[in-house]
């Protein structure tokens, strides 16, 4: 799997987790179960695929272009949701029906992403019975995605901050998908296995910088407000 495609998968899952974080916990759970059912339904199709066929499909420029169009459309739906939400928030207006409808849209490209991830699971656990592997994957997806969304909600309780992360992530998805359509040397395909520890360490460092930046900005405005109030009392 090319590194860029891996990052696209990561950001699609991040967008889905962020989007579901605006739902109630039971809605997240229902959606997670729905994702698990999807894995169980498509597993007969997934196990019929060969690794060579999948690699050829991923390497095909036309397939990447078609998928890029879908990624861009979905990303702009998320961007429109973010901008509409921020406009409603800063104008202190009640949430309208358009925003409620956009909030109910969890994203559709998470389904091909889950399909691709399950295929990779099948390739890496070839000795396990397919039905058992599908059942375990479905249960894992049903639990992990709602937990991921709840974790994001607990880690970033401020809705406006999660909106900003979703906005930034959606822009990154568009950029990465456009890069992936390039048929030249920009597409880097790893010849060796991906060092997931190093990869997730880098992503963790980026996330830590984002958290520190958010906390630093929040602390700065708290100190500034206290200073203004103090000087206001003196005057």
Protein backbone atom coordinates (compact mmCIF):
# COMPACT_ATOMS: atom_id res chain seq x y z
CA UNK A 1 0.00 0.00 0.00
CA UNK A 2 1.44 3.40 -0.94
CA UNK A 3 2.20 5.79 1.88
CA UNK A 4 -0.15 8.46 0.49
CA UNK A 5 -3.06 6.03 0.30
CA UNK A 6 -2.34 5.02 3.89
CA UNK A 7 -2.53 8.67 4.98
CA UNK A 8 -5.76 9.18 3.04
CA UNK A 9 -7.25 6.19 4.89
CA UNK A 10 -6.08 7.66 8.20
CA UNK A 11 -7.62 11.07 7.57
CA UNK A 12 -10.89 9.60 6.26
CA UNK A 13 -11.20 7.63 9.52
CA UNK A 14 -10.25 10.75 11.50
CA UNK A 15 -12.94 12.77 9.71
CA UNK A 16 -15.52 10.07 10.45
CA UNK A 17 -14.51 9.97 14.11
CA UNK A 18 -14.68 13.75 14.40
CA UNK A 19 -18.04 13.88 12.64
CA UNK A 20 -19.52 11.22 14.93
CA UNK A 21 -18.17 13.08 17.98
CA UNK A 22 -20.98 15.62 17.47
CA UNK A 23 -23.56 12.84 17.90
CA UNK A 24 -24.92 11.36 21.10
CA UNK A 25 -23.23 8.24 22.47
CA UNK A 26 -26.07 5.91 21.48
CA UNK A 27 -26.04 7.29 17.95
CA UNK A 28 -22.30 6.60 17.76
CA UNK A 29 -22.93 3.04 18.97
CA UNK A 30 -25.64 2.44 16.35
CA UNK A 31 -23.34 3.74 13.61
CA UNK A 32 -20.50 1.54 14.87
CA UNK A 33 -22.77 -1.52 14.75
CA UNK A 34 -23.80 -0.53 11.23
CA UNK A 35 -20.11 -0.42 10.23
CA UNK A 36 -19.64 -3.87 11.76
CA UNK A 37 -22.63 -5.24 9.82
CA UNK A 38 -21.11 -3.79 6.66
CA UNK A 39 -17.88 -5.74 7.28
CA UNK A 40 -19.86 -8.95 7.79
CA UNK A 41 -21.87 -8.41 4.59
CA UNK A 42 -18.92 -7.67 2.31
CA UNK A 43 -16.52 -10.30 3.63
CA UNK A 44 -17.44 -12.92 0.95
CA UNK A 45 -16.46 -10.37 -1.71
CA UNK A 46 -13.31 -9.32 0.14
CA UNK A 47 -11.92 -12.84 0.57
CA UNK A 48 -12.32 -13.48 -3.17
CA UNK A 49 -9.82 -10.72 -3.98
CA UNK A 50 -6.16 -11.44 -4.61
CA UNK A 51 -3.37 -9.17 -3.44
CA UNK A 52 -2.20 -8.69 -7.03
CA UNK A 53 -5.67 -7.56 -8.13
CA UNK A 54 -5.98 -5.13 -5.23
CA UNK A 55 -2.53 -3.65 -5.90
CA UNK A 56 -3.36 -3.19 -9.57
CA UNK A 57 -6.63 -1.47 -8.70
CA UNK A 58 -4.86 0.88 -6.28
CA UNK A 59 -2.13 1.60 -8.83
CA UNK A 60 -4.59 2.36 -11.62
CA UNK A 61 -4.61 6.11 -12.31
CA UNK A 62 -8.23 6.16 -13.50
CA UNK A 63 -9.41 4.49 -10.29
CA UNK A 64 -7.47 7.01 -8.21
CA UNK A 65 -8.96 9.90 -10.19
CA UNK A 66 -12.50 8.61 -9.72
CA UNK A 67 -11.92 8.12 -6.02
CA UNK A 68 -10.35 11.58 -5.78
CA UNK A 69 -13.55 13.11 -7.16
CA UNK A 70 -15.57 11.36 -4.45
CA UNK A 71 -13.06 12.33 -1.77
CA UNK A 72 -13.17 15.97 -2.86
CA UNK A 73 -16.97 16.07 -2.85
CA UNK A 74 -17.17 14.56 0.62
CA UNK A 75 -14.37 16.80 1.92
CA UNK A 76 -16.17 19.91 0.67
CA UNK A 77 -19.39 18.73 2.35
CA UNK A 78 -17.43 18.54 5.61
CA UNK A 79 -15.83 21.93 4.96
CA UNK A 80 -19.24 23.46 4.28
CA UNK A 81 -20.51 21.91 7.52
CA UNK A 82 -17.57 23.38 9.45
CA UNK A 83 -17.99 26.87 8.01
CA UNK A 84 -21.76 26.81 8.55
CA UNK A 85 -21.30 25.62 12.13
CA UNK A 86 -18.72 28.31 12.92
CA UNK A 87 -20.95 30.98 11.37
CA UNK A 88 -23.89 29.87 13.52
CA UNK A 89 -21.64 29.73 16.59
CA UNK A 90 -20.11 33.19 16.28
CA UNK A 91 -23.37 34.82 15.28
CA UNK A 92 -25.10 33.20 18.28
CA UNK A 93 -27.97 31.97 16.16
CA UNK A 94 -30.01 28.80 16.81
CA UNK A 95 -29.03 25.74 14.79
CA UNK A 96 -31.06 25.66 11.57
CA UNK A 97 -32.37 22.65 9.67
CA UNK A 98 -29.56 22.78 7.11
CA UNK A 99 -26.91 22.43 9.81
CA UNK A 100 -28.85 19.62 11.49
CA UNK A 101 -28.98 17.75 8.19
CA UNK A 102 -25.25 18.23 7.59
CA UNK A 103 -24.56 17.01 11.12
CA UNK A 104 -26.38 13.74 10.36
CA UNK A 105 -24.07 13.01 7.42
CA UNK A 106 -21.28 10.75 8.78
CA UNK A 107 -19.44 10.38 5.47
CA UNK A 108 -19.74 7.61 2.89
CA UNK A 109 -16.13 7.02 1.90
CA UNK A 110 -15.48 5.36 5.24
CA UNK A 111 -17.16 2.27 3.73
CA UNK A 112 -14.58 1.68 0.95
CA UNK A 113 -11.89 2.49 3.52
CA UNK A 114 -13.23 -0.20 5.85
CA UNK A 115 -13.43 -2.57 2.89
CA UNK A 116 -9.78 -1.92 2.03
CA UNK A 117 -8.69 -2.33 5.65
CA UNK A 118 -10.53 -5.64 5.93
CA UNK A 119 -8.81 -6.88 2.75
CA UNK A 120 -5.46 -6.02 4.31
CA UNK A 121 -6.49 -7.92 7.44
CA UNK A 122 -7.35 -10.96 5.30
CA UNK A 123 -3.96 -10.80 3.58
CA UNK A 124 -2.07 -10.53 6.88
CA UNK A 125 -4.01 -13.25 8.71
CA UNK A 126 -4.29 -15.82 5.94
CA UNK A 127 -4.20 -18.76 8.35
CA UNK A 128 -7.36 -17.74 10.19
CA UNK A 129 -10.80 -18.94 9.10
CA UNK A 130 -12.45 -16.23 6.99
CA UNK A 131 -15.81 -16.24 8.78
CA UNK A 132 -14.09 -15.99 12.17
CA UNK A 133 -11.84 -13.20 10.89
CA UNK A 134 -14.85 -11.31 9.54
CA UNK A 135 -16.76 -11.71 12.80
CA UNK A 136 -13.83 -10.50 14.91
CA UNK A 137 -13.22 -7.58 12.54
CA UNK A 138 -16.90 -6.62 12.62
CA UNK A 139 -16.96 -6.67 16.43
CA UNK A 140 -13.71 -4.68 16.61
CA UNK A 141 -15.01 -2.04 14.19
CA UNK A 142 -18.35 -1.82 16.05
CA UNK A 143 -16.50 -1.07 19.29
CA UNK A 144 -13.41 0.87 18.19
CA UNK A 145 -15.06 3.54 16.02
CA UNK A 146 -17.56 4.67 18.73
CA UNK A 147 -14.73 4.58 21.31
CA UNK A 148 -12.54 6.62 18.97
CA UNK A 149 -15.29 9.24 18.59
CA UNK A 150 -15.95 9.32 22.34
CA UNK A 151 -12.21 9.66 22.95
CA UNK A 152 -12.03 12.64 20.63
CA UNK A 153 -15.05 14.16 22.36
CA UNK A 154 -13.45 13.73 25.79
CA UNK A 155 -10.01 14.86 24.64
CA UNK A 156 -11.37 17.94 22.87
CA UNK A 157 -14.62 18.89 24.66
CA UNK A 158 -14.80 22.25 22.88
CA UNK A 159 -16.91 21.81 19.75
CA UNK A 160 -15.28 24.71 17.94
CA UNK A 161 -11.85 23.11 18.31
CA UNK A 162 -13.09 19.80 16.90
CA UNK A 163 -14.64 21.75 14.04
CA UNK A 164 -11.27 23.35 13.32
CA UNK A 165 -9.53 19.95 13.31
CA UNK A 166 -12.20 18.56 10.97
CA UNK A 167 -11.77 21.56 8.68
CA UNK A 168 -7.99 21.14 8.56
CA UNK A 169 -8.24 17.37 8.08
CA UNK A 170 -10.71 17.79 5.21
CA UNK A 171 -8.32 20.14 3.42
CA UNK A 172 -5.51 17.61 3.91
CA UNK A 173 -7.69 14.87 2.40
CA UNK A 174 -8.24 16.99 -0.72
CA UNK A 175 -4.52 17.74 -1.06
CA UNK A 176 -3.46 14.12 -0.53
CA UNK A 177 -6.08 12.78 -2.93
CA UNK A 178 -4.94 15.20 -5.64
CA UNK A 179 -1.32 14.16 -5.09
CA UNK A 180 -2.29 10.49 -5.34
CA UNK A 181 -3.62 10.99 -8.89
CA UNK A 182 -0.20 12.01 -10.15
CA UNK A 183 1.14 9.24 -12.35
CA UNK A 184 4.76 10.23 -11.91
CA UNK A 185 7.30 9.79 -9.16
CA UNK A 186 5.34 11.68 -6.52
CA UNK A 187 3.53 8.47 -5.63
CA UNK A 188 5.87 6.66 -3.33
CA UNK A 189 5.31 2.96 -2.90
CA UNK A 190 7.20 1.41 -0.06
CA UNK A 191 9.28 -1.59 -1.05
CA UNK A 192 9.58 -2.70 2.55
CA UNK A 193 6.98 -3.02 5.28
CA UNK A 194 5.79 0.25 6.78
CA UNK A 195 7.28 1.12 10.16
CA UNK A 196 3.96 1.70 11.92
CA UNK A 197 5.65 2.58 15.23
CA UNK A 198 7.59 5.42 13.64
CA UNK A 199 4.56 6.49 11.62
CA UNK A 200 2.20 6.67 14.58
CA UNK A 201 4.93 8.33 16.65
CA UNK A 202 5.13 11.10 14.05
CA UNK A 203 1.34 11.44 14.02
CA UNK A 204 1.36 11.51 17.82
CA UNK A 205 3.93 14.32 17.85
CA UNK A 206 1.81 16.31 15.40
CA UNK A 207 -1.24 15.74 17.60
CA UNK A 208 0.70 16.82 20.71
CA UNK A 209 1.78 20.04 19.00
CA UNK A 210 -1.86 20.69 18.10
CA UNK A 211 -2.95 20.09 21.71
CA UNK A 212 -0.17 22.30 23.13
CA UNK A 213 -1.04 25.00 20.63
CA UNK A 214 -4.69 24.86 21.63
CA UNK A 215 -3.90 24.91 25.37
CA UNK A 216 -1.35 27.69 24.92
CA UNK A 217 -3.85 29.81 22.99
CA UNK A 218 -6.54 29.18 25.62
CA UNK A 219 -4.15 30.08 28.46
CA UNK A 220 -3.05 33.23 26.62
CA UNK A 221 -6.62 34.51 26.28
CA UNK A 222 -7.43 33.67 29.90
CA UNK A 223 -4.41 35.68 31.10
CA UNK A 224 -5.27 38.50 28.71
CA UNK A 225 -8.87 38.65 29.95
CA UNK A 226 -7.69 38.70 33.58
CA UNK A 227 -5.28 41.52 32.76
CA UNK A 228 -8.02 43.52 31.05
CA UNK A 229 -10.37 43.00 34.00
CA UNK A 230 -7.62 44.00 36.46
CA UNK A 231 -6.80 47.20 34.60
CA UNK A 232 -10.49 47.90 34.17
CA UNK A 233 -11.00 47.80 37.94
CA UNK A 234 -8.01 50.09 38.46
CA UNK A 235 -9.52 52.66 36.17
